[in-house]
Protein backbone atom coordinates (compact mmCIF):
# COMPACT_ATOMS: atom_id res chain seq x y z
CA UNK A 1 -6.03 -0.82 -34.21
CA UNK A 2 -9.44 -0.50 -32.56
CA UNK A 3 -12.44 -1.07 -34.77
CA UNK A 4 -14.78 1.95 -35.12
CA UNK A 5 -17.64 -0.25 -33.87
CA UNK A 6 -15.86 -0.52 -30.53
CA UNK A 7 -15.96 3.25 -30.09
CA UNK A 8 -19.75 3.36 -30.04
CA UNK A 9 -20.53 0.31 -27.90
CA UNK A 10 -22.98 0.75 -25.05
CA UNK A 11 -22.85 -1.03 -21.70
CA UNK A 12 -25.13 -3.89 -22.68
CA UNK A 13 -23.17 -4.63 -25.86
CA UNK A 14 -19.89 -4.78 -23.95
CA UNK A 15 -21.44 -6.99 -21.27
CA UNK A 16 -22.90 -9.25 -23.96
CA UNK A 17 -19.47 -9.57 -25.58
CA UNK A 18 -17.94 -10.44 -22.20
CA UNK A 19 -20.57 -13.15 -21.74
CA UNK A 20 -19.63 -14.49 -25.18
CA UNK A 21 -15.94 -14.36 -24.20
CA UNK A 22 -15.14 -12.15 -27.19
CA UNK A 23 -11.75 -10.44 -27.40
CA UNK A 24 -13.61 -7.44 -28.81
CA UNK A 25 -15.05 -6.83 -25.31
CA UNK A 26 -11.56 -6.21 -23.93
CA UNK A 27 -10.83 -3.82 -26.79
CA UNK A 28 -14.06 -1.97 -26.03
CA UNK A 29 -13.22 -1.78 -22.31
CA UNK A 30 -9.74 -0.47 -23.09
CA UNK A 31 -11.05 2.12 -25.51
CA UNK A 32 -13.90 3.34 -23.34
CA UNK A 33 -12.27 3.21 -19.90
CA UNK A 34 -8.51 2.88 -20.48
CA UNK A 35 -7.44 6.50 -20.10
CA UNK A 36 -9.68 7.10 -17.08
CA UNK A 37 -8.53 3.91 -15.37
CA UNK A 38 -4.89 4.77 -16.02
CA UNK A 39 -5.30 8.31 -14.68
CA UNK A 40 -6.97 6.98 -11.54
CA UNK A 41 -4.33 4.26 -11.08
CA UNK A 42 -1.57 6.88 -11.42
CA UNK A 43 -3.03 8.70 -8.41
CA UNK A 44 -2.31 5.63 -6.30
CA UNK A 45 0.71 4.27 -8.19
CA UNK A 46 3.18 6.93 -9.32
CA UNK A 47 5.20 4.48 -11.43
CA UNK A 48 3.62 4.25 -14.89
CA UNK A 49 4.42 0.54 -15.25
CA UNK A 50 2.67 -0.27 -11.97
CA UNK A 51 -0.36 1.78 -13.02
CA UNK A 52 -0.50 0.07 -16.41
CA UNK A 53 -0.27 -3.32 -14.70
CA UNK A 54 -3.14 -2.36 -12.40
CA UNK A 55 -5.25 -1.41 -15.44
CA UNK A 56 -4.44 -4.74 -17.10
CA UNK A 57 -5.35 -6.53 -13.86
CA UNK A 58 -8.62 -4.58 -13.87
CA UNK A 59 -9.51 -5.91 -17.32
CA UNK A 60 -8.67 -9.44 -16.16
CA UNK A 61 -10.82 -9.03 -13.04
CA UNK A 62 -13.74 -7.82 -15.17
CA UNK A 63 -13.22 -10.70 -17.61
CA UNK A 64 -13.34 -13.14 -14.69
CA UNK A 65 -16.37 -11.48 -13.05
CA UNK A 66 -18.58 -11.25 -16.16
CA UNK A 67 -20.16 -13.77 -16.31
CA UNK A 68 -21.80 -14.39 -13.88
CA UNK A 69 -22.14 -10.69 -13.02
CA UNK A 70 -24.32 -8.43 -15.17
CA UNK A 71 -23.54 -4.95 -13.85
CA UNK A 72 -25.91 -2.15 -14.70
CA UNK A 73 -24.56 0.46 -15.18
CA UNK A 74 -21.12 -0.68 -16.28
CA UNK A 75 -19.12 2.51 -15.64
CA UNK A 76 -19.16 2.56 -11.82
CA UNK A 77 -18.56 -1.20 -11.79
CA UNK A 78 -15.42 -0.82 -13.94
CA UNK A 79 -14.06 2.10 -11.91
CA UNK A 80 -14.74 0.35 -8.59
CA UNK A 81 -12.79 -2.69 -9.74
CA UNK A 82 -10.04 -0.44 -11.12
CA UNK A 83 -9.77 1.54 -7.91
CA UNK A 84 -9.68 -1.57 -5.73
CA UNK A 85 -7.06 -3.16 -7.99
CA UNK A 86 -4.84 -0.07 -7.87
CA UNK A 87 -5.21 0.20 -4.10
CA UNK A 88 -4.35 -3.46 -3.65
CA UNK A 89 -1.24 -3.02 -5.77
CA UNK A 90 -0.32 0.18 -3.94
CA UNK A 91 -0.57 -1.57 -0.55
CA UNK A 92 1.57 -4.41 -1.86
CA UNK A 93 4.26 -2.06 -3.20
CA UNK A 94 4.44 0.29 -0.24
CA UNK A 95 4.20 -1.85 2.84
CA UNK A 96 6.10 0.71 4.96
CA UNK A 97 5.88 3.90 2.87
CA UNK A 98 2.96 6.30 3.15
CA UNK A 99 1.35 7.13 -0.18
CA UNK A 100 -0.33 10.41 -1.06
CA UNK A 101 -3.63 8.52 -0.98
CA UNK A 102 -3.01 7.46 2.61
CA UNK A 103 -2.32 11.10 3.45
CA UNK A 104 -5.66 12.13 1.91
CA UNK A 105 -7.48 9.43 3.88
CA UNK A 106 -5.81 10.67 7.04
CA UNK A 107 -7.57 14.00 6.40
CA UNK A 108 -10.89 12.17 6.61
CA UNK A 109 -10.03 10.32 9.79
CA UNK A 110 -11.56 13.05 11.95
CA UNK A 111 -14.92 12.47 10.27
CA UNK A 112 -14.86 8.71 10.02
CA UNK A 113 -13.50 7.65 13.37
CA UNK A 114 -14.41 8.33 16.93
CA UNK A 115 -15.75 6.80 20.10
CA UNK A 116 -17.97 3.88 19.23
CA UNK A 117 -18.07 4.58 15.50
CA UNK A 118 -15.93 1.61 14.49
CA UNK A 119 -17.93 -0.82 16.61
CA UNK A 120 -21.42 0.40 15.79
CA UNK A 121 -21.12 1.16 12.12
CA UNK A 122 -21.77 -1.06 9.17
CA UNK A 123 -19.58 0.13 6.28
CA UNK A 124 -22.49 0.06 3.82
CA UNK A 125 -24.68 2.16 6.13
CA UNK A 126 -21.86 4.65 6.57
CA UNK A 127 -21.42 4.75 2.80
CA UNK A 128 -25.12 5.48 2.34
CA UNK A 129 -24.91 8.24 4.96
CA UNK A 130 -21.95 9.84 3.17
CA UNK A 131 -23.84 9.58 -0.15
CA UNK A 132 -26.85 11.31 1.43
CA UNK A 133 -24.58 14.02 2.84
CA UNK A 134 -22.92 14.63 -0.53
CA UNK A 135 -26.27 14.94 -2.30
CA UNK A 136 -26.96 18.02 -0.17
CA UNK A 137 -23.65 19.70 -1.05
CA UNK A 138 -23.00 21.94 -4.02
CA UNK A 139 -21.86 20.27 -7.21
CA UNK A 140 -18.43 21.88 -6.84
CA UNK A 141 -18.02 20.60 -3.28
CA UNK A 142 -19.12 17.09 -4.34
CA UNK A 143 -16.66 17.02 -7.23
CA UNK A 144 -13.78 18.25 -5.08
CA UNK A 145 -14.60 15.75 -2.31
CA UNK A 146 -14.85 12.81 -4.69
CA UNK A 147 -11.74 13.79 -6.67
CA UNK A 148 -9.76 13.94 -3.41
CA UNK A 149 -11.12 10.99 -1.46
CA UNK A 150 -12.37 8.58 -4.13
CA UNK A 151 -10.04 9.17 -7.07
CA UNK A 152 -7.08 10.20 -4.88
CA UNK A 153 -6.28 13.40 -6.80
CA UNK A 154 -3.88 15.86 -5.21
CA UNK A 155 -5.11 19.30 -4.13
CA UNK A 156 -2.95 20.76 -6.88
CA UNK A 157 -4.57 18.56 -9.56
CA UNK A 158 -8.06 19.34 -8.28
CA UNK A 159 -7.33 23.07 -8.32
CA UNK A 160 -6.09 22.87 -11.90
CA UNK A 161 -9.11 20.76 -12.98
CA UNK A 162 -11.59 23.08 -11.26
CA UNK A 163 -9.90 26.37 -12.22
CA UNK A 164 -9.42 27.28 -8.56
CA UNK A 165 -6.52 28.22 -6.31
CA UNK A 166 -5.05 25.41 -4.22
CA UNK A 167 -5.87 27.30 -1.04
CA UNK A 168 -9.53 27.56 -2.09
CA UNK A 169 -9.66 23.79 -2.69
CA UNK A 170 -8.01 23.11 0.69
CA UNK A 171 -10.48 25.38 2.49
CA UNK A 172 -13.44 23.80 0.69
CA UNK A 173 -12.19 20.31 1.66
CA UNK A 174 -11.76 21.39 5.29
CA UNK A 175 -15.26 22.86 5.45
CA UNK A 176 -16.78 19.81 3.76
CA UNK A 177 -15.06 17.50 6.24
CA UNK A 178 -16.35 19.61 9.14
CA UNK A 179 -19.89 19.51 7.72
CA UNK A 180 -19.58 15.76 7.20
CA UNK A 181 -18.57 15.24 10.82
CA UNK A 182 -21.52 17.37 11.99
CA UNK A 183 -23.87 15.43 9.71
CA UNK A 184 -22.60 12.05 10.92
CA UNK A 185 -23.01 13.24 14.53
CA UNK A 186 -26.61 14.29 13.85
CA UNK A 187 -27.27 10.93 12.21
CA UNK A 188 -26.09 9.12 15.34
CA UNK A 189 -22.73 7.84 14.13
CA UNK A 190 -21.00 9.52 17.06
CA UNK A 191 -21.86 9.25 20.73
């Protein structure tokens, strides 16, 4: 049973508990992020047991990283570790099989690869360029793009979440990818 105090903990309290090596920190992480981490892990790992194991591994990775880390804010830090953990597990489990996430990344390949791009591009700089591009898109387009390419949601799940038809989501993704490629070309990422 989770203590009611755990439900109201802010980032700094959870981080402080992790620094103190308190078991209550893990309870707070599980309560605050557990369902979101599991949903994200399920997008990469269809087997529930594998997804649950990835979430547990996420908590362990956070436990091992804090201290010395003091992330601020905590939410993106937790989800980044969770996503990386799930992807690592997915790669391990499907050495030869293509996952739905790999299919979604293949959609982006037209925007993120090309003559000279791999050799001239620092991943962080490319990430900043994509962030800048997304800031200039509508909120709906940003959400759809991130749900598809960051969280690994299927077009069907995005359509249901957004109250849209699957075809509308697919068209919006196509147009956003085309705009992204144009933007990256203007920014000098393509020759």
